[in-house]
Every structure is written in structure tokens, then in C-alpha cells.
């Protein structure tokens, strides 16, 4: 085996030994896995953000006695956070940024 010339060569060799090379033909930053796995992850992202928002709003409303205003506000925040998480999951990587 020849001695690597630089860091990039050593990194490439180490990644290939560990099986960490990106799949050929894969575009964007979609996570590896089946379509079911990606769909399940997207659903979990939305539901978990919504649950956290609703729980935070509910607890704050109980503590401050402002029912239902903070509950509704954090419901909206949780919904937006879930949609943004799914958007980031499927957003293609910007080729200009590295």
C-alpha cells in the first residue's frame, strides 16, 4: 500500500475502510435508508416538535393563569418548528457552500 500524500487521501482511505463513503448517485442531504424510514423520521419530527410546543404552552398557562393564550401560541410555534425540521430534512444541500 502506498503512503498517502495528504490528509484528503488518508481521510478517503479511512472512510472506504469503514464503509462510510457516500452512496453513488445520492443527491441532497437526504438521510440514508428506505422511503419508509425517511417518512417515519419526517412524521416524528413534526409530532415531537408539536408535543414540545403544546406541553410548554400548557405548563406556562397553568403557571401564569393565562389559559388558553400561551397554549395556542406555543401550539403555533411547535407547528412551525416541525414544518421547518421537515423542510431541512428534504432541502437539497447548497453546492456553493462547503
PDB file of N, CA and C in Angstrom:
ATOM      1  N   UNK A   1       0.848  -1.170   0.000  1.00  0.00           N
ATOM      2  CA  UNK A   1       0.000   0.000   0.000  1.00  0.00           C
ATOM      3  C   UNK A   1       0.893   1.233   0.000  1.00  0.00           C
ATOM      4  N   UNK A   2       0.560   2.207  -0.842  1.00  0.00           N
ATOM      5  CA  UNK A   2       1.378   3.406  -0.943  1.00  0.00           C
ATOM      6  C   UNK A   2       1.037   4.367   0.174  1.00  0.00           C
ATOM      7  N   UNK A   3       2.000   5.184   0.501  1.00  0.00           N
ATOM      8  CA  UNK A   3       1.815   6.170   1.559  1.00  0.00           C
ATOM      9  C   UNK A   3       0.959   7.320   1.034  1.00  0.00           C
ATOM     10  N   UNK A   4      -0.117   7.714   1.776  1.00  0.00           N
ATOM     11  CA  UNK A   4      -0.967   8.815   1.321  1.00  0.00           C
ATOM     12  C   UNK A   4      -0.189  10.130   1.293  1.00  0.00           C
ATOM     13  N   UNK A   5      -0.502  10.950   0.297  1.00  0.00           N
ATOM     14  CA  UNK A   5       0.199  12.218   0.148  1.00  0.00           C
ATOM     15  C   UNK A   5      -0.308  13.277   1.109  1.00  0.00           C
ATOM     16  N   UNK A   6      -1.575  13.252   1.442  1.00  0.00           N
ATOM     17  CA  UNK A   6      -2.116  14.307   2.281  1.00  0.00           C
ATOM     18  C   UNK A   6      -3.292  13.829   3.104  1.00  0.00           C
ATOM     19  N   UNK A   7      -3.833  14.780   3.802  1.00  0.00           N
ATOM     20  CA  UNK A   7      -4.958  14.485   4.684  1.00  0.00           C
ATOM     21  C   UNK A   7      -6.152  13.943   3.920  1.00  0.00           C
ATOM     22  N   UNK A   8      -6.466  14.553   2.773  1.00  0.00           N
ATOM     23  CA  UNK A   8      -7.638  14.113   1.998  1.00  0.00           C
ATOM     24  C   UNK A   8      -7.509  12.657   1.570  1.00  0.00           C
ATOM     25  N   UNK A   9      -6.303  12.253   1.154  1.00  0.00           N
ATOM     26  CA  UNK A   9      -6.103  10.861   0.752  1.00  0.00           C
ATOM     27  C   UNK A   9      -6.278   9.906   1.930  1.00  0.00           C
ATOM     28  N   UNK A  10      -5.710  10.281   3.079  1.00  0.00           N
ATOM     29  CA  UNK A  10      -5.859   9.432   4.267  1.00  0.00           C
ATOM     30  C   UNK A  10      -7.312   9.351   4.703  1.00  0.00           C
ATOM     31  N   UNK A  11      -8.014  10.490   4.632  1.00  0.00           N
ATOM     32  CA  UNK A  11      -9.422  10.505   5.010  1.00  0.00           C
ATOM     33  C   UNK A  11     -10.240   9.635   4.065  1.00  0.00           C
ATOM     34  N   UNK A  12     -10.002   9.743   2.792  1.00  0.00           N
ATOM     35  CA  UNK A  12     -10.723   8.939   1.799  1.00  0.00           C
ATOM     36  C   UNK A  12     -10.483   7.451   2.039  1.00  0.00           C
ATOM     37  N   UNK A  13      -9.237   7.072   2.329  1.00  0.00           N
ATOM     38  CA  UNK A  13      -8.922   5.661   2.583  1.00  0.00           C
ATOM     39  C   UNK A  13      -9.594   5.166   3.868  1.00  0.00           C
ATOM     40  N   UNK A  14      -9.561   5.994   4.900  1.00  0.00           N
ATOM     41  CA  UNK A  14     -10.190   5.599   6.161  1.00  0.00           C
ATOM     42  C   UNK A  14     -11.697   5.448   5.990  1.00  0.00           C
ATOM     43  N   UNK A  15     -12.314   6.364   5.254  1.00  0.00           N
ATOM     44  CA  UNK A  15     -13.762   6.273   5.032  1.00  0.00           C
ATOM     45  C   UNK A  15     -14.119   5.027   4.233  1.00  0.00           C
ATOM     46  N   UNK A  16     -13.305   4.686   3.244  1.00  0.00           N
ATOM     47  CA  UNK A  16     -13.615   3.497   2.447  1.00  0.00           C
ATOM     48  C   UNK A  16     -13.418   2.225   3.269  1.00  0.00           C
ATOM     49  N   UNK A  17     -12.415   2.211   4.167  1.00  0.00           N
ATOM     50  CA  UNK A  17     -12.227   1.037   5.028  1.00  0.00           C
ATOM     51  C   UNK A  17     -13.405   0.843   5.964  1.00  0.00           C
ATOM     52  N   UNK A  18     -13.983   1.913   6.458  1.00  0.00           N
ATOM     53  CA  UNK A  18     -15.106   1.844   7.400  1.00  0.00           C
ATOM     54  C   UNK A  18     -16.462   1.745   6.704  1.00  0.00           C
ATOM     55  N   UNK A  19     -16.486   1.850   5.379  1.00  0.00           N
ATOM     56  CA  UNK A  19     -17.750   1.790   4.656  1.00  0.00           C
ATOM     57  C   UNK A  19     -18.562   3.059   4.778  1.00  0.00           C
ATOM     58  N   UNK A  20     -17.889   4.192   4.921  1.00  0.00           N
ATOM     59  CA  UNK A  20     -18.581   5.463   5.121  1.00  0.00           C
ATOM     60  C   UNK A  20     -18.630   6.314   3.861  1.00  0.00           C
ATOM     61  N   UNK A  21     -18.238   5.761   2.736  1.00  0.00           N
ATOM     62  CA  UNK A  21     -18.301   6.534   1.503  1.00  0.00           C
ATOM     63  C   UNK A  21     -19.743   6.823   1.147  1.00  0.00           C
ATOM     64  N   UNK A  22     -20.034   8.023   0.625  1.00  0.00           N
ATOM     65  CA  UNK A  22     -21.410   8.321   0.222  1.00  0.00           C
ATOM     66  C   UNK A  22     -21.839   7.406  -0.911  1.00  0.00           C
ATOM     67  N   UNK A  23     -23.130   7.116  -0.924  1.00  0.00           N
ATOM     68  CA  UNK A  23     -23.660   6.252  -1.968  1.00  0.00           C
ATOM     69  C   UNK A  23     -23.577   6.952  -3.314  1.00  0.00           C
ATOM     70  N   UNK A  24     -23.173   6.247  -4.364  1.00  0.00           N
ATOM     71  CA  UNK A  24     -23.105   6.893  -5.683  1.00  0.00           C
ATOM     72  C   UNK A  24     -24.495   7.286  -6.167  1.00  0.00           C
ATOM     73  N   UNK A  25     -24.595   8.460  -6.744  1.00  0.00           N
ATOM     74  CA  UNK A  25     -25.855   8.938  -7.280  1.00  0.00           C
ATOM     75  C   UNK A  25     -26.771   9.556  -6.251  1.00  0.00           C
ATOM     76  N   UNK A  26     -26.327   9.656  -5.019  1.00  0.00           N
ATOM     77  CA  UNK A  26     -27.165  10.243  -3.970  1.00  0.00           C
ATOM     78  C   UNK A  26     -27.041  11.752  -4.025  1.00  0.00           C
ATOM     79  N   UNK A  27     -28.181  12.438  -4.022  1.00  0.00           N
ATOM     80  CA  UNK A  27     -28.168  13.896  -4.098  1.00  0.00           C
ATOM     81  C   UNK A  27     -28.782  14.485  -2.852  1.00  0.00           C
ATOM     82  N   UNK A  28     -28.456  15.739  -2.589  1.00  0.00           N
ATOM     83  CA  UNK A  28     -29.045  16.431  -1.447  1.00  0.00           C
ATOM     84  C   UNK A  28     -28.510  15.895  -0.146  1.00  0.00           C
ATOM     85  N   UNK A  29     -29.226  16.181   0.924  1.00  0.00           N
ATOM     86  CA  UNK A  29     -28.797  15.701   2.235  1.00  0.00           C
ATOM     87  C   UNK A  29     -29.822  14.754   2.836  1.00  0.00           C
ATOM     88  N   UNK A  30     -30.501  13.997   1.984  1.00  0.00           N
ATOM     89  CA  UNK A  30     -31.445  13.011   2.495  1.00  0.00           C
ATOM     90  C   UNK A  30     -30.691  11.959   3.279  1.00  0.00           C
ATOM     91  N   UNK A  31     -31.221  11.564   4.408  1.00  0.00           N
ATOM     92  CA  UNK A  31     -30.536  10.550   5.198  1.00  0.00           C
ATOM     93  C   UNK A  31     -30.589   9.207   4.487  1.00  0.00           C
ATOM     94  N   UNK A  32     -29.592   8.369   4.729  1.00  0.00           N
ATOM     95  CA  UNK A  32     -29.626   7.049   4.101  1.00  0.00           C
ATOM     96  C   UNK A  32     -30.764   6.225   4.678  1.00  0.00           C
ATOM     97  N   UNK A  33     -31.271   5.331   3.888  1.00  0.00           N
ATOM     98  CA  UNK A  33     -32.335   4.454   4.381  1.00  0.00           C
ATOM     99  C   UNK A  33     -33.464   4.342   3.382  1.00  0.00           C
ATOM    100  N   UNK A  34     -34.448   3.598   3.779  1.00  0.00           N
ATOM    101  CA  UNK A  34     -35.578   3.349   2.899  1.00  0.00           C
ATOM    102  C   UNK A  34     -36.537   4.526   2.908  1.00  0.00           C
ATOM    103  N   UNK A  35     -37.477   4.487   1.997  1.00  0.00           N
ATOM    104  CA  UNK A  35     -38.501   5.521   1.930  1.00  0.00           C
ATOM    105  C   UNK A  35     -39.351   5.522   3.190  1.00  0.00           C
ATOM    106  N   UNK A  36     -39.612   4.344   3.722  1.00  0.00           N
ATOM    107  CA  UNK A  36     -40.389   4.259   4.962  1.00  0.00           C
ATOM    108  C   UNK A  36     -39.649   4.927   6.110  1.00  0.00           C
ATOM    109  N   UNK A  37     -38.346   4.732   6.177  1.00  0.00           N
ATOM    110  CA  UNK A  37     -37.552   5.342   7.236  1.00  0.00           C
ATOM    111  C   UNK A  37     -37.557   6.854   7.169  1.00  0.00           C
ATOM    112  N   UNK A  38     -37.456   7.383   5.959  1.00  0.00           N
ATOM    113  CA  UNK A  38     -37.464   8.835   5.782  1.00  0.00           C
ATOM    114  C   UNK A  38     -38.843   9.392   6.148  1.00  0.00           C
ATOM    115  N   UNK A  39     -39.893   8.719   5.721  1.00  0.00           N
ATOM    116  CA  UNK A  39     -41.240   9.168   6.052  1.00  0.00           C
ATOM    117  C   UNK A  39     -41.513   9.107   7.541  1.00  0.00           C
ATOM    118  N   UNK A  40     -41.039   8.040   8.185  1.00  0.00           N
ATOM    119  CA  UNK A  40     -41.220   7.916   9.627  1.00  0.00           C
ATOM    120  C   UNK A  40     -40.472   9.020  10.362  1.00  0.00           C
ATOM    121  N   UNK A  41     -39.250   9.321   9.899  1.00  0.00           N
ATOM    122  CA  UNK A  41     -38.475  10.378  10.542  1.00  0.00           C
ATOM    123  C   UNK A  41     -39.168  11.734  10.389  1.00  0.00           C
ATOM    124  N   UNK A  42     -39.715  12.009   9.210  1.00  0.00           N
ATOM    125  CA  UNK A  42     -40.422  13.274   8.994  1.00  0.00           C
ATOM    126  C   UNK A  42     -41.627  13.377   9.917  1.00  0.00           C
ATOM    127  N   UNK A  43     -42.365  12.285  10.067  1.00  0.00           N
ATOM    128  CA  UNK A  43     -43.519  12.293  10.962  1.00  0.00           C
ATOM    129  C   UNK A  43     -43.133  12.498  12.408  1.00  0.00           C
ATOM    130  N   UNK A  44     -42.067  11.855  12.826  1.00  0.00           N
ATOM    131  CA  UNK A  44     -41.600  12.008  14.199  1.00  0.00           C
ATOM    132  C   UNK A  44     -41.132  13.441  14.445  1.00  0.00           C
ATOM    133  N   UNK A  45     -40.473  14.045  13.451  1.00  0.00           N
ATOM    134  CA  UNK A  45     -40.014  15.434  13.595  1.00  0.00           C
ATOM    135  C   UNK A  45     -41.199  16.368  13.853  1.00  0.00           C
ATOM    136  N   UNK A  46     -42.271  16.213  13.079  1.00  0.00           N
ATOM    137  CA  UNK A  46     -43.438  17.091  13.222  1.00  0.00           C
ATOM    138  C   UNK A  46     -44.129  16.845  14.564  1.00  0.00           C
ATOM    139  N   UNK A  47     -44.383  15.597  14.876  1.00  0.00           N
ATOM    140  CA  UNK A  47     -45.129  15.271  16.091  1.00  0.00           C
ATOM    141  C   UNK A  47     -44.341  15.673  17.337  1.00  0.00           C
ATOM    142  N   UNK A  48     -43.042  15.407  17.360  1.00  0.00           N
ATOM    143  CA  UNK A  48     -42.267  15.743  18.562  1.00  0.00           C
ATOM    144  C   UNK A  48     -42.185  17.253  18.772  1.00  0.00           C
ATOM    145  N   UNK A  49     -42.003  18.034  17.711  1.00  0.00           N
ATOM    146  CA  UNK A  49     -41.974  19.490  17.865  1.00  0.00           C
ATOM    147  C   UNK A  49     -43.328  20.003  18.344  1.00  0.00           C
ATOM    148  N   UNK A  50     -44.396  19.437  17.840  1.00  0.00           N
ATOM    149  CA  UNK A  50     -45.733  19.848  18.247  1.00  0.00           C
ATOM    150  C   UNK A  50     -45.996  19.495  19.718  1.00  0.00           C
ATOM    151  N   UNK A  51     -45.593  18.311  20.133  1.00  0.00           N
ATOM    152  CA  UNK A  51     -45.794  17.890  21.524  1.00  0.00           C
ATOM    153  C   UNK A  51     -45.013  18.794  22.477  1.00  0.00           C
ATOM    154  N   UNK A  52     -43.784  19.126  22.132  1.00  0.00           N
ATOM    155  CA  UNK A  52     -42.976  20.000  22.988  1.00  0.00           C
ATOM    156  C   UNK A  52     -43.617  21.381  23.073  1.00  0.00           C
ATOM    157  N   UNK A  53     -44.072  21.922  21.951  1.00  0.00           N
ATOM    158  CA  UNK A  53     -44.725  23.231  21.964  1.00  0.00           C
ATOM    159  C   UNK A  53     -46.001  23.240  22.791  1.00  0.00           C
ATOM    160  N   UNK A  54     -46.827  22.232  22.611  1.00  0.00           N
ATOM    161  CA  UNK A  54     -48.087  22.148  23.360  1.00  0.00           C
ATOM    162  C   UNK A  54     -47.810  21.986  24.855  1.00  0.00           C
ATOM    163  N   UNK A  55     -46.852  21.133  25.208  1.00  0.00           N
ATOM    164  CA  UNK A  55     -46.541  20.923  26.623  1.00  0.00           C
ATOM    165  C   UNK A  55     -46.005  22.206  27.264  1.00  0.00           C
ATOM    166  N   UNK A  56     -45.122  22.905  26.559  1.00  0.00           N
ATOM    167  CA  UNK A  56     -44.584  24.149  27.108  1.00  0.00           C
ATOM    168  C   UNK A  56     -45.697  25.182  27.296  1.00  0.00           C
ATOM    169  N   UNK A  57     -46.568  25.323  26.315  1.00  0.00           N
ATOM    170  CA  UNK A  57     -47.674  26.268  26.433  1.00  0.00           C
ATOM    171  C   UNK A  57     -48.635  25.898  27.544  1.00  0.00           C
ATOM    172  N   UNK A  58     -48.930  24.632  27.688  1.00  0.00           N
ATOM    173  CA  UNK A  58     -49.853  24.185  28.725  1.00  0.00           C
ATOM    174  C   UNK A  58     -49.284  24.459  30.115  1.00  0.00           C
ATOM    175  N   UNK A  59     -47.994  24.095  30.301  1.00  0.00           N
ATOM    176  CA  UNK A  59     -47.377  24.326  31.614  1.00  0.00           C
ATOM    177  C   UNK A  59     -47.273  25.810  31.928  1.00  0.00           C
ATOM    178  N   UNK A  60     -46.907  26.623  30.948  1.00  0.00           N
ATOM    179  CA  UNK A  60     -46.820  28.062  31.194  1.00  0.00           C
ATOM    180  C   UNK A  60     -48.192  28.654  31.494  1.00  0.00           C
ATOM    181  N   UNK A  61     -49.217  28.195  30.798  1.00  0.00           N
ATOM    182  CA  UNK A  61     -50.575  28.685  31.068  1.00  0.00           C
ATOM    183  C   UNK A  61     -51.044  28.310  32.465  1.00  0.00           C
ATOM    184  N   UNK A  62     -50.746  27.106  32.893  1.00  0.00           N
ATOM    185  CA  UNK A  62     -51.135  26.701  34.253  1.00  0.00           C
ATOM    186  C   UNK A  62     -50.399  27.528  35.291  1.00  0.00           C
ATOM    187  N   UNK A  63     -49.123  27.790  35.036  1.00  0.00           N
ATOM    188  CA  UNK A  63     -48.306  28.522  35.995  1.00  0.00           C
ATOM    189  C   UNK A  63     -48.716  29.992  36.074  1.00  0.00           C
ATOM    190  N   UNK A  64     -48.956  30.604  34.891  1.00  0.00           N
ATOM    191  CA  UNK A  64     -49.271  32.033  34.847  1.00  0.00           C
ATOM    192  C   UNK A  64     -50.763  32.337  34.866  1.00  0.00           C
ATOM    193  N   UNK A  65     -51.613  31.327  34.696  1.00  0.00           N
ATOM    194  CA  UNK A  65     -53.062  31.524  34.698  1.00  0.00           C
ATOM    195  C   UNK A  65     -53.567  32.294  33.495  1.00  0.00           C
ATOM    196  N   UNK A  66     -52.995  32.043  32.338  1.00  0.00           N
ATOM    197  CA  UNK A  66     -53.375  32.778  31.127  1.00  0.00           C
ATOM    198  C   UNK A  66     -54.083  31.884  30.112  1.00  0.00           C
ATOM    199  N   UNK A  67     -54.706  30.808  30.569  1.00  0.00           N
ATOM    200  CA  UNK A  67     -55.321  29.846  29.633  1.00  0.00           C
ATOM    201  C   UNK A  67     -56.232  30.542  28.664  1.00  0.00           C
ATOM    202  N   UNK A  68     -56.264  30.281  27.414  1.00  0.00           N
ATOM    203  CA  UNK A  68     -55.539  29.361  26.553  1.00  0.00           C
ATOM    204  C   UNK A  68     -54.485  30.054  25.697  1.00  0.00           C
ATOM    205  N   UNK A  69     -54.093  31.270  26.028  1.00  0.00           N
ATOM    206  CA  UNK A  69     -53.292  32.070  25.102  1.00  0.00           C
ATOM    207  C   UNK A  69     -51.888  31.536  24.862  1.00  0.00           C
ATOM    208  N   UNK A  70     -51.165  31.202  25.904  1.00  0.00           N
ATOM    209  CA  UNK A  70     -49.822  30.658  25.698  1.00  0.00           C
ATOM    210  C   UNK A  70     -49.878  29.260  25.087  1.00  0.00           C
ATOM    211  N   UNK A  71     -50.906  28.516  25.440  1.00  0.00           N
ATOM    212  CA  UNK A  71     -51.104  27.203  24.824  1.00  0.00           C
ATOM    213  C   UNK A  71     -51.234  27.344  23.308  1.00  0.00           C
ATOM    214  N   UNK A  72     -52.069  28.268  22.874  1.00  0.00           N
ATOM    215  CA  UNK A  72     -52.259  28.475  21.435  1.00  0.00           C
ATOM    216  C   UNK A  72     -50.997  29.006  20.765  1.00  0.00           C
ATOM    217  N   UNK A  73     -50.310  29.925  21.425  1.00  0.00           N
ATOM    218  CA  UNK A  73     -49.092  30.494  20.866  1.00  0.00           C
ATOM    219  C   UNK A  73     -48.015  29.423  20.692  1.00  0.00           C
ATOM    220  N   UNK A  74     -47.812  28.607  21.714  1.00  0.00           N
ATOM    221  CA  UNK A  74     -46.792  27.568  21.618  1.00  0.00           C
ATOM    222  C   UNK A  74     -47.230  26.416  20.711  1.00  0.00           C
ATOM    223  N   UNK A  75     -48.538  26.223  20.539  1.00  0.00           N
ATOM    224  CA  UNK A  75     -49.017  25.267  19.536  1.00  0.00           C
ATOM    225  C   UNK A  75     -48.573  25.706  18.146  1.00  0.00           C
ATOM    226  N   UNK A  76     -48.718  26.994  17.862  1.00  0.00           N
ATOM    227  CA  UNK A  76     -48.277  27.531  16.562  1.00  0.00           C
ATOM    228  C   UNK A  76     -46.766  27.421  16.434  1.00  0.00           C
ATOM    229  N   UNK A  77     -46.016  27.785  17.495  1.00  0.00           N
ATOM    230  CA  UNK A  77     -44.553  27.669  17.457  1.00  0.00           C
ATOM    231  C   UNK A  77     -44.112  26.229  17.212  1.00  0.00           C
ATOM    232  N   UNK A  78     -44.739  25.283  17.877  1.00  0.00           N
ATOM    233  CA  UNK A  78     -44.407  23.876  17.681  1.00  0.00           C
ATOM    234  C   UNK A  78     -44.708  23.409  16.266  1.00  0.00           C
ATOM    235  N   UNK A  79     -45.828  23.869  15.721  1.00  0.00           N
ATOM    236  CA  UNK A  79     -46.177  23.502  14.344  1.00  0.00           C
ATOM    237  C   UNK A  79     -45.149  24.038  13.358  1.00  0.00           C
ATOM    238  N   UNK A  80     -44.779  25.295  13.534  1.00  0.00           N
ATOM    239  CA  UNK A  80     -43.786  25.906  12.640  1.00  0.00           C
ATOM    240  C   UNK A  80     -42.439  25.200  12.779  1.00  0.00           C
ATOM    241  N   UNK A  81     -42.047  24.876  13.995  1.00  0.00           N
ATOM    242  CA  UNK A  81     -40.780  24.179  14.206  1.00  0.00           C
ATOM    243  C   UNK A  81     -40.788  22.803  13.536  1.00  0.00           C
ATOM    244  N   UNK A  82     -41.896  22.083  13.628  1.00  0.00           N
ATOM    245  CA  UNK A  82     -41.988  20.777  12.983  1.00  0.00           C
ATOM    246  C   UNK A  82     -41.889  20.867  11.473  1.00  0.00           C
ATOM    247  N   UNK A  83     -42.572  21.846  10.895  1.00  0.00           N
ATOM    248  CA  UNK A  83     -42.515  22.015   9.438  1.00  0.00           C
ATOM    249  C   UNK A  83     -41.112  22.425   9.002  1.00  0.00           C
ATOM    250  N   UNK A  84     -40.457  23.294   9.767  1.00  0.00           N
ATOM    251  CA  UNK A  84     -39.086  23.695   9.424  1.00  0.00           C
ATOM    252  C   UNK A  84     -38.113  22.519   9.527  1.00  0.00           C
ATOM    253  N   UNK A  85     -38.319  21.645  10.514  1.00  0.00           N
ATOM    254  CA  UNK A  85     -37.465  20.460  10.619  1.00  0.00           C
ATOM    255  C   UNK A  85     -37.615  19.560   9.402  1.00  0.00           C
ATOM    256  N   UNK A  86     -38.826  19.360   8.943  1.00  0.00           N
ATOM    257  CA  UNK A  86     -39.044  18.528   7.755  1.00  0.00           C
ATOM    258  C   UNK A  86     -38.480  19.221   6.524  1.00  0.00           C
ATOM    259  N   UNK A  87     -38.616  20.541   6.445  1.00  0.00           N
ATOM    260  CA  UNK A  87     -38.037  21.282   5.317  1.00  0.00           C
ATOM    261  C   UNK A  87     -36.524  21.089   5.280  1.00  0.00           C
ATOM    262  N   UNK A  88     -35.872  21.193   6.445  1.00  0.00           N
ATOM    263  CA  UNK A  88     -34.422  20.997   6.499  1.00  0.00           C
ATOM    264  C   UNK A  88     -34.036  19.566   6.149  1.00  0.00           C
ATOM    265  N   UNK A  89     -34.897  18.622   6.475  1.00  0.00           N
ATOM    266  CA  UNK A  89     -34.616  17.227   6.157  1.00  0.00           C
ATOM    267  C   UNK A  89     -34.569  16.997   4.656  1.00  0.00           C
ATOM    268  N   UNK A  90     -35.459  17.650   3.920  1.00  0.00           N
ATOM    269  CA  UNK A  90     -35.557  17.414   2.487  1.00  0.00           C
ATOM    270  C   UNK A  90     -34.904  18.486   1.627  1.00  0.00           C
ATOM    271  N   UNK A  91     -34.391  19.552   2.240  1.00  0.00           N
ATOM    272  CA  UNK A  91     -33.781  20.634   1.479  1.00  0.00           C
ATOM    273  C   UNK A  91     -32.474  20.147   0.861  1.00  0.00           C
ATOM    274  N   UNK A  92     -32.296  20.346  -0.449  1.00  0.00           N
ATOM    275  CA  UNK A  92     -31.035  19.934  -1.060  1.00  0.00           C
ATOM    276  C   UNK A  92     -29.896  20.816  -0.561  1.00  0.00           C
ATOM    277  N   UNK A  93     -28.739  20.227  -0.453  1.00  0.00           N
ATOM    278  CA  UNK A  93     -27.561  20.954   0.009  1.00  0.00           C
ATOM    279  C   UNK A  93     -27.172  22.013  -1.002  1.00  0.00           C
ATOM    280  N   UNK A  94     -26.785  23.160  -0.505  1.00  0.00           N
ATOM    281  CA  UNK A  94     -26.334  24.247  -1.379  1.00  0.00           C
ATOM    282  C   UNK A  94     -24.920  23.921  -1.839  1.00  0.00           C
ATOM    283  N   UNK A  95     -24.744  23.789  -3.145  1.00  0.00           N
ATOM    284  CA  UNK A  95     -23.431  23.405  -3.693  1.00  0.00           C
ATOM    285  C   UNK A  95     -22.415  24.523  -3.521  1.00  0.00           C
ATOM    286  N   UNK A  96     -22.861  25.770  -3.430  1.00  0.00           N
ATOM    287  CA  UNK A  96     -21.926  26.884  -3.302  1.00  0.00           C
ATOM    288  C   UNK A  96     -21.279  26.915  -1.912  1.00  0.00           C
ATOM    289  N   UNK A  97     -22.032  26.509  -0.877  1.00  0.00           N
ATOM    290  CA  UNK A  97     -21.473  26.485   0.480  1.00  0.00           C
ATOM    291  C   UNK A  97     -20.765  25.160   0.724  1.00  0.00           C
ATOM    292  N   UNK A  98     -19.652  25.220   1.441  1.00  0.00           N
ATOM    293  CA  UNK A  98     -18.937  23.981   1.764  1.00  0.00           C
ATOM    294  C   UNK A  98     -18.583  23.951   3.205  1.00  0.00           C
TER     295      UNK A  98
END
